[in-house]
Amino acid sequence: MNISLIKAQLEDAETIHTLQIKSFIPLLKRYQDFDTNPANEPLEKVIARINQSFTDFYLIKSDGLNIGGIRIVKMKGNRLRVSPIFILPEYQGKGIAQKVFQMVEHIYCDAKAWELDTILQERGNCYLYEKLGYKQTGKTEMINDKMTLVFYEKYVKATSP
């Protein structure tokens, strides 16, 4: 499986929107988080994110097929935020997300810290991020009686020349 990241352009907005819906709809059905779930976002929100000067959106490809996306938000102090990352359900559990994180950490090698959040009840997601070196910050946000967001960060060690 050949994984690649292609920086999204405005003309990719509909593709990203469709992938985002297909990827997040199982979570929307499970947690009923209609106000926060990316499957419920309009196309205009994806377009706005692609147009943000402080955002890089990438299509995730497997052997040339679009299978997901990742958005990197540049913040102050060389901090970066992943929000969101998504992979089509039929491609999940194959190590693709791990590979994508390695790729973005290589692209943004000057980052001092990374942050993201995920659903506390999705143990597989929490396990993945912890395996990648992310630590829970202690901050949580209850979205509804079925779902709580948990926040993570990862500090990058400076490499000496």
Protein backbone atom coordinates (compact mmCIF):
# COMPACT_ATOMS: atom_id res chain seq x y z
CA MET A 1 0.00 0.00 0.00
CA ASN A 2 1.59 3.24 -1.20
CA ILE A 3 0.42 6.17 0.98
CA SER A 4 0.87 9.74 -0.20
CA LEU A 5 -0.25 13.21 0.86
CA ILE A 6 -1.32 15.75 -1.73
CA LYS A 7 -1.83 19.34 -0.61
CA ALA A 8 -5.46 20.17 -1.24
CA GLN A 9 -6.52 22.99 -3.51
CA LEU A 10 -9.89 24.71 -3.66
CA GLU A 11 -11.03 22.34 -6.43
CA ASP A 12 -10.54 19.42 -3.97
CA ALA A 13 -13.14 20.78 -1.52
CA GLU A 14 -16.02 18.57 -2.74
CA THR A 15 -13.81 15.46 -2.65
CA ILE A 16 -12.66 16.27 0.88
CA HIS A 17 -16.24 16.97 1.97
CA THR A 18 -17.45 13.62 0.58
CA LEU A 19 -14.56 11.71 2.21
CA GLN A 20 -15.17 13.52 5.51
CA ILE A 21 -18.87 12.58 5.51
CA LYS A 22 -18.19 8.92 4.67
CA SER A 23 -15.45 8.72 7.31
CA PHE A 24 -17.35 10.40 10.16
CA ILE A 25 -20.92 9.16 9.57
CA PRO A 26 -20.44 6.00 11.71
CA LEU A 27 -19.37 8.21 14.65
CA LEU A 28 -22.25 10.61 14.06
CA LYS A 29 -24.70 7.70 14.22
CA ARG A 30 -23.07 6.32 17.37
CA TYR A 31 -22.69 9.55 19.36
CA GLN A 32 -25.39 11.82 17.89
CA ASP A 33 -23.01 14.80 18.12
CA PHE A 34 -24.77 16.81 15.44
CA ASP A 35 -23.17 20.16 16.34
CA THR A 36 -19.56 18.96 16.40
CA ASN A 37 -19.26 16.01 14.01
CA PRO A 38 -17.47 16.77 10.70
CA ALA A 39 -19.97 14.56 8.84
CA ASN A 40 -22.55 17.25 9.58
CA GLU A 41 -20.48 20.17 8.27
CA PRO A 42 -21.52 21.97 5.10
CA LEU A 43 -19.24 22.10 2.07
CA GLU A 44 -18.73 25.82 2.75
CA LYS A 45 -16.87 25.02 5.97
CA VAL A 46 -14.41 22.80 4.08
CA ILE A 47 -13.93 25.56 1.50
CA ALA A 48 -13.31 28.11 4.26
CA ARG A 49 -10.70 25.84 5.89
CA ILE A 50 -8.85 25.27 2.62
CA ASN A 51 -8.77 29.06 2.14
CA GLN A 52 -7.36 29.77 5.62
CA SER A 53 -3.80 31.10 5.44
CA PHE A 54 -2.87 29.26 8.66
CA THR A 55 -4.23 25.88 7.48
CA ASP A 56 -2.81 23.17 5.24
CA PHE A 57 -5.29 20.49 4.12
CA TYR A 58 -4.03 17.30 2.51
CA LEU A 59 -5.74 14.50 0.67
CA ILE A 60 -4.58 11.09 1.88
CA LYS A 61 -4.11 8.73 -1.04
CA SER A 62 -3.54 4.99 -1.13
CA ASP A 63 -2.14 3.74 -4.43
CA GLY A 64 -3.53 6.88 -6.07
CA LEU A 65 -7.06 6.61 -4.61
CA ASN A 66 -8.44 9.32 -2.31
CA ILE A 67 -9.05 7.62 1.04
CA GLY A 68 -9.04 10.46 3.55
CA GLY A 69 -7.73 13.81 4.62
CA ILE A 70 -5.77 15.64 7.27
CA ARG A 71 -5.84 19.30 8.20
CA ILE A 72 -2.85 20.94 9.88
CA VAL A 73 -3.52 24.21 11.70
CA LYS A 74 -0.48 26.42 12.32
CA MET A 75 -0.58 28.17 15.68
CA LYS A 76 1.76 30.46 17.62
CA GLY A 77 5.16 29.25 18.76
CA ASN A 78 5.58 26.54 16.12
CA ARG A 79 2.64 24.61 17.57
CA LEU A 80 0.54 22.61 15.14
CA ARG A 81 -2.92 21.13 15.53
CA VAL A 82 -4.37 18.16 13.68
CA SER A 83 -8.05 18.90 13.14
CA PRO A 84 -9.36 16.70 11.67
CA ILE A 85 -7.77 13.55 10.33
CA PHE A 86 -10.08 11.04 8.69
CA ILE A 87 -9.76 7.81 6.73
CA LEU A 88 -12.55 5.94 4.98
CA PRO A 89 -13.87 3.11 7.20
CA GLU A 90 -12.76 0.37 4.79
CA TYR A 91 -9.14 1.62 5.06
CA GLN A 92 -9.07 2.02 8.85
CA GLY A 93 -7.02 -0.32 11.01
CA LYS A 94 -4.34 -0.82 8.35
CA GLY A 95 -1.62 1.44 9.81
CA ILE A 96 -2.40 4.30 7.40
CA ALA A 97 -2.94 6.92 10.12
CA GLN A 98 0.43 6.06 11.70
CA LYS A 99 2.12 6.52 8.32
CA VAL A 100 0.29 9.82 7.75
CA PHE A 101 1.44 11.15 11.14
CA GLN A 102 5.05 10.20 10.31
CA MET A 103 4.69 12.02 6.99
CA VAL A 104 3.26 15.24 8.44
CA GLU A 105 5.83 15.26 11.25
CA HIS A 106 8.51 15.05 8.54
CA ILE A 107 6.89 17.85 6.48
CA TYR A 108 6.59 20.08 9.57
CA CYS A 109 9.93 19.12 11.08
CA ASP A 110 10.33 22.53 12.75
CA ALA A 111 7.24 22.00 14.92
CA LYS A 112 7.81 22.34 18.65
CA ALA A 113 4.52 20.72 19.65
CA TRP A 114 1.48 19.01 18.18
CA GLU A 115 -2.02 18.87 19.56
CA LEU A 116 -5.30 17.17 18.73
CA ASP A 117 -8.46 15.93 20.34
CA THR A 118 -10.49 12.77 19.92
CA ILE A 119 -13.46 10.98 21.38
CA LEU A 120 -12.61 9.47 24.76
CA GLN A 121 -14.99 6.56 24.14
CA GLU A 122 -13.10 5.61 20.94
CA ARG A 123 -10.41 3.55 22.66
CA GLY A 124 -8.73 2.68 19.34
CA ASN A 125 -8.16 6.34 18.54
CA CYS A 126 -6.80 7.04 22.02
CA TYR A 127 -4.50 4.02 21.75
CA LEU A 128 -3.21 5.17 18.36
CA TYR A 129 -2.38 8.69 19.52
CA GLU A 130 -0.73 7.46 22.71
CA LYS A 131 1.32 4.96 20.66
CA LEU A 132 2.46 7.91 18.51
CA GLY A 133 3.73 9.75 21.60
CA TYR A 134 0.76 11.99 22.38
CA LYS A 135 -0.10 12.54 26.05
CA GLN A 136 -3.45 13.50 27.49
CA THR A 137 -3.44 17.12 28.68
CA GLY A 138 -6.04 16.50 31.37
CA LYS A 139 -8.58 18.66 29.54
CA THR A 140 -11.84 17.03 28.51
CA GLU A 141 -15.06 18.42 27.10
CA MET A 142 -18.36 16.63 27.49
CA ILE A 143 -20.29 16.97 24.22
CA ASN A 144 -23.35 14.97 25.28
CA ASP A 145 -24.20 12.05 27.57
CA LYS A 146 -22.64 9.58 25.08
CA MET A 147 -19.46 11.42 24.14
CA THR A 148 -16.54 13.28 25.71
CA LEU A 149 -13.63 14.84 23.86
CA VAL A 150 -10.16 14.26 25.29
CA PHE A 151 -7.27 16.56 24.40
CA TYR A 152 -3.74 15.45 23.57
CA GLU A 153 -0.38 17.07 22.94
CA LYS A 154 3.05 15.91 21.87
CA TYR A 155 6.24 17.87 22.38
CA VAL A 156 8.96 17.41 19.79
CA LYS A 157 12.53 17.15 21.00
CA ALA A 158 14.86 19.54 19.26
CA THR A 159 17.48 17.71 17.24
CA SER A 160 21.00 19.00 17.54
CA PRO A 161 23.08 19.36 14.36
